[in-house]
C-alpha atoms as a PDB file:
ATOM      1  CA  MET A   1      14.565   0.624  14.521  1.00  0.00           C
ATOM      2  CA  ASN A   2      13.160   3.343  14.000  1.00  0.00           C
ATOM      3  CA  PRO A   3       9.289   2.559  14.085  1.00  0.00           C
ATOM      4  CA  TRP A   4       8.362   5.109  11.461  1.00  0.00           C
ATOM      5  CA  ILE A   5      11.214   3.837   8.952  1.00  0.00           C
ATOM      6  CA  LEU A   6       9.797   0.501   9.350  1.00  0.00           C
ATOM      7  CA  LEU A   7       6.267   1.913   8.597  1.00  0.00           C
ATOM      8  CA  PHE A   8       7.585   3.368   5.419  1.00  0.00           C
ATOM      9  CA  ILE A   9       9.497  -0.046   4.592  1.00  0.00           C
ATOM     10  CA  SER A  10       5.907  -1.322   5.350  1.00  0.00           C
ATOM     11  CA  ILE A  11       4.382   1.165   2.536  1.00  0.00           C
ATOM     12  CA  ALA A  12       6.824   0.103   0.140  1.00  0.00           C
ATOM     13  CA  ALA A  13       6.400  -3.708   0.591  1.00  0.00           C
ATOM     14  CA  GLU A  14       2.839  -3.391   0.515  1.00  0.00           C
ATOM     15  CA  ILE A  15       2.750  -1.445  -3.053  1.00  0.00           C
ATOM     16  CA  CYS A  16       4.597  -4.017  -4.585  1.00  0.00           C
ATOM     17  CA  GLY A  17       2.724  -6.559  -3.412  1.00  0.00           C
ATOM     18  CA  THR A  18      -0.252  -4.773  -4.766  1.00  0.00           C
ATOM     19  CA  THR A  19       2.124  -4.032  -7.923  1.00  0.00           C
ATOM     20  CA  ALA A  20       2.630  -7.737  -8.437  1.00  0.00           C
ATOM     21  CA  LEU A  21      -0.743  -8.919  -7.751  1.00  0.00           C
ATOM     22  CA  LYS A  22      -2.326  -6.967 -10.694  1.00  0.00           C
ATOM     23  CA  TYR A  23       0.948  -8.785 -12.679  1.00  0.00           C
ATOM     24  CA  SER A  24      -0.012 -12.175 -11.220  1.00  0.00           C
ATOM     25  CA  ASN A  25      -3.182 -11.734 -13.252  1.00  0.00           C
ATOM     26  CA  GLY A  26      -5.700 -13.257 -10.984  1.00  0.00           C
ATOM     27  CA  PHE A  27      -3.067 -15.922  -9.410  1.00  0.00           C
ATOM     28  CA  THR A  28      -2.540 -17.366 -12.719  1.00  0.00           C
ATOM     29  CA  LYS A  29       1.115 -16.454 -13.014  1.00  0.00           C
ATOM     30  CA  PHE A  30       3.900 -17.918 -10.864  1.00  0.00           C
ATOM     31  CA  LEU A  31       6.072 -15.490 -10.009  1.00  0.00           C
ATOM     32  CA  PRO A  32       3.913 -12.131  -9.355  1.00  0.00           C
ATOM     33  CA  THR A  33       1.831 -14.151  -7.417  1.00  0.00           C
ATOM     34  CA  VAL A  34       4.844 -15.704  -5.286  1.00  0.00           C
ATOM     35  CA  ALA A  35       5.994 -11.682  -5.308  1.00  0.00           C
ATOM     36  CA  ALA A  36       2.722 -10.611  -4.013  1.00  0.00           C
ATOM     37  CA  LEU A  37       2.497 -13.041  -1.623  1.00  0.00           C
ATOM     38  CA  VAL A  38       6.556 -12.671   0.219  1.00  0.00           C
ATOM     39  CA  ALA A  39       5.837  -8.495  -0.298  1.00  0.00           C
ATOM     40  CA  PHE A  40       2.214  -8.386   1.635  1.00  0.00           C
ATOM     41  CA  GLY A  41       3.962 -10.747   4.048  1.00  0.00           C
ATOM     42  CA  PHE A  42       6.780  -8.947   4.769  1.00  0.00           C
ATOM     43  CA  ALA A  43       4.323  -6.085   4.866  1.00  0.00           C
ATOM     44  CA  PHE A  44       2.062  -7.474   7.374  1.00  0.00           C
ATOM     45  CA  TYR A  45       5.145  -8.405   9.837  1.00  0.00           C
ATOM     46  CA  LEU A  46       6.754  -4.715   9.136  1.00  0.00           C
ATOM     47  CA  VAL A  47       3.158  -2.941  10.239  1.00  0.00           C
ATOM     48  CA  SER A  48       2.966  -5.554  13.112  1.00  0.00           C
ATOM     49  CA  ILE A  49       6.128  -4.583  14.343  1.00  0.00           C
ATOM     50  CA  VAL A  50       5.701  -0.844  14.120  1.00  0.00           C
ATOM     51  CA  PHE A  51       2.312  -1.610  16.533  1.00  0.00           C
ATOM     52  CA  ARG A  52       4.306  -2.060  19.705  1.00  0.00           C
ATOM     53  CA  THR A  53       5.527   1.673  19.422  1.00  0.00           C
ATOM     54  CA  LEU A  54       2.781   3.590  17.281  1.00  0.00           C
ATOM     55  CA  PRO A  55      -1.140   3.814  18.224  1.00  0.00           C
ATOM     56  CA  VAL A  56      -3.018   1.439  15.882  1.00  0.00           C
ATOM     57  CA  GLY A  57      -5.200   4.429  14.640  1.00  0.00           C
ATOM     58  CA  LEU A  58      -2.080   6.489  13.500  1.00  0.00           C
ATOM     59  CA  VAL A  59      -0.168   3.111  11.697  1.00  0.00           C
ATOM     60  CA  TYR A  60      -3.195   2.270  10.065  1.00  0.00           C
ATOM     61  CA  ALA A  61      -4.168   5.952   8.730  1.00  0.00           C
ATOM     62  CA  VAL A  62      -0.638   6.306   7.580  1.00  0.00           C
ATOM     63  CA  TRP A  63      -0.216   3.471   5.988  1.00  0.00           C
ATOM     64  CA  SER A  64      -3.562   3.550   3.910  1.00  0.00           C
ATOM     65  CA  GLY A  65      -3.312   7.007   2.916  1.00  0.00           C
ATOM     66  CA  ALA A  66      -0.360   6.516   1.798  1.00  0.00           C
ATOM     67  CA  GLY A  67      -0.724   3.268  -0.039  1.00  0.00           C
ATOM     68  CA  ILE A  68      -3.583   4.596  -1.528  1.00  0.00           C
ATOM     69  CA  VAL A  69      -2.106   7.373  -3.284  1.00  0.00           C
ATOM     70  CA  LEU A  70       1.297   5.430  -4.060  1.00  0.00           C
ATOM     71  CA  THR A  71      -0.705   2.626  -5.243  1.00  0.00           C
ATOM     72  CA  ALA A  72      -2.309   5.577  -7.923  1.00  0.00           C
ATOM     73  CA  VAL A  73       1.091   7.367  -9.351  1.00  0.00           C
ATOM     74  CA  VAL A  74       2.482   3.761  -9.407  1.00  0.00           C
ATOM     75  CA  ALA A  75      -0.898   2.392 -11.363  1.00  0.00           C
ATOM     76  CA  TYR A  76      -0.338   5.401 -13.530  1.00  0.00           C
ATOM     77  CA  PHE A  77       3.243   4.842 -14.854  1.00  0.00           C
ATOM     78  CA  ALA A  78       3.187   1.168 -14.745  1.00  0.00           C
ATOM     79  CA  PHE A  79      -0.268   0.517 -16.304  1.00  0.00           C
ATOM     80  CA  GLY A  80      -0.904   3.834 -17.667  1.00  0.00           C
ATOM     81  CA  GLN A  81      -4.225   4.341 -15.155  1.00  0.00           C
ATOM     82  CA  GLU A  82      -5.882   7.194 -16.081  1.00  0.00           C
ATOM     83  CA  PRO A  83      -8.152   8.265 -12.781  1.00  0.00           C
ATOM     84  CA  ASP A  84     -10.635  10.749 -14.020  1.00  0.00           C
ATOM     85  CA  PHE A  85     -11.577  13.478 -12.025  1.00  0.00           C
ATOM     86  CA  ALA A  86     -14.344  11.015  -9.989  1.00  0.00           C
ATOM     87  CA  GLY A  87     -10.911   9.127  -9.192  1.00  0.00           C
ATOM     88  CA  PHE A  88      -9.182  12.133  -7.921  1.00  0.00           C
ATOM     89  CA  PHE A  89     -11.932  13.050  -5.877  1.00  0.00           C
ATOM     90  CA  ARG A  90     -12.013   9.477  -4.317  1.00  0.00           C
ATOM     91  CA  TYR A  91      -8.478   9.297  -3.797  1.00  0.00           C
ATOM     92  CA  GLY A  92      -9.044  12.554  -1.714  1.00  0.00           C
ATOM     93  CA  ASP A  93     -12.009  11.774  -0.034  1.00  0.00           C
ATOM     94  CA  ASP A  94     -10.675   8.193   0.654  1.00  0.00           C
ATOM     95  CA  TYR A  95      -6.686   9.495   1.842  1.00  0.00           C
ATOM     96  CA  GLY A  96      -8.427  12.278   4.242  1.00  0.00           C
ATOM     97  CA  ARG A  97     -10.741  10.042   5.855  1.00  0.00           C
ATOM     98  CA  CYS A  98      -7.539   7.906   6.542  1.00  0.00           C
ATOM     99  CA  VAL A  99      -5.445  10.668   7.758  1.00  0.00           C
ATOM    100  CA  GLY A 100      -8.581  12.456   9.820  1.00  0.00           C
ATOM    101  CA  HIS A 101      -9.369   9.067  11.884  1.00  0.00           C
END
């Protein structure tokens, strides 16, 4: 399968894992905890396959940069977490550092 497709599926799994982690309330809720662990395991499995064909620096930059931005978007809509100006600056700075890697 195309490594870019696997990478984007991996990013989606990582975002699902992060969202489930929030719902797990510090691993105190069973189903969200299991969902988080499964999603993170799947994400790491897929990204490990992607590393076979694409450079590590490129993969990690796209994976972490997209994860930062998309997780912030999910947090906004799912949890009502509105980043302030400093938050937007940090997202931009983090994304720029990842992609500029």
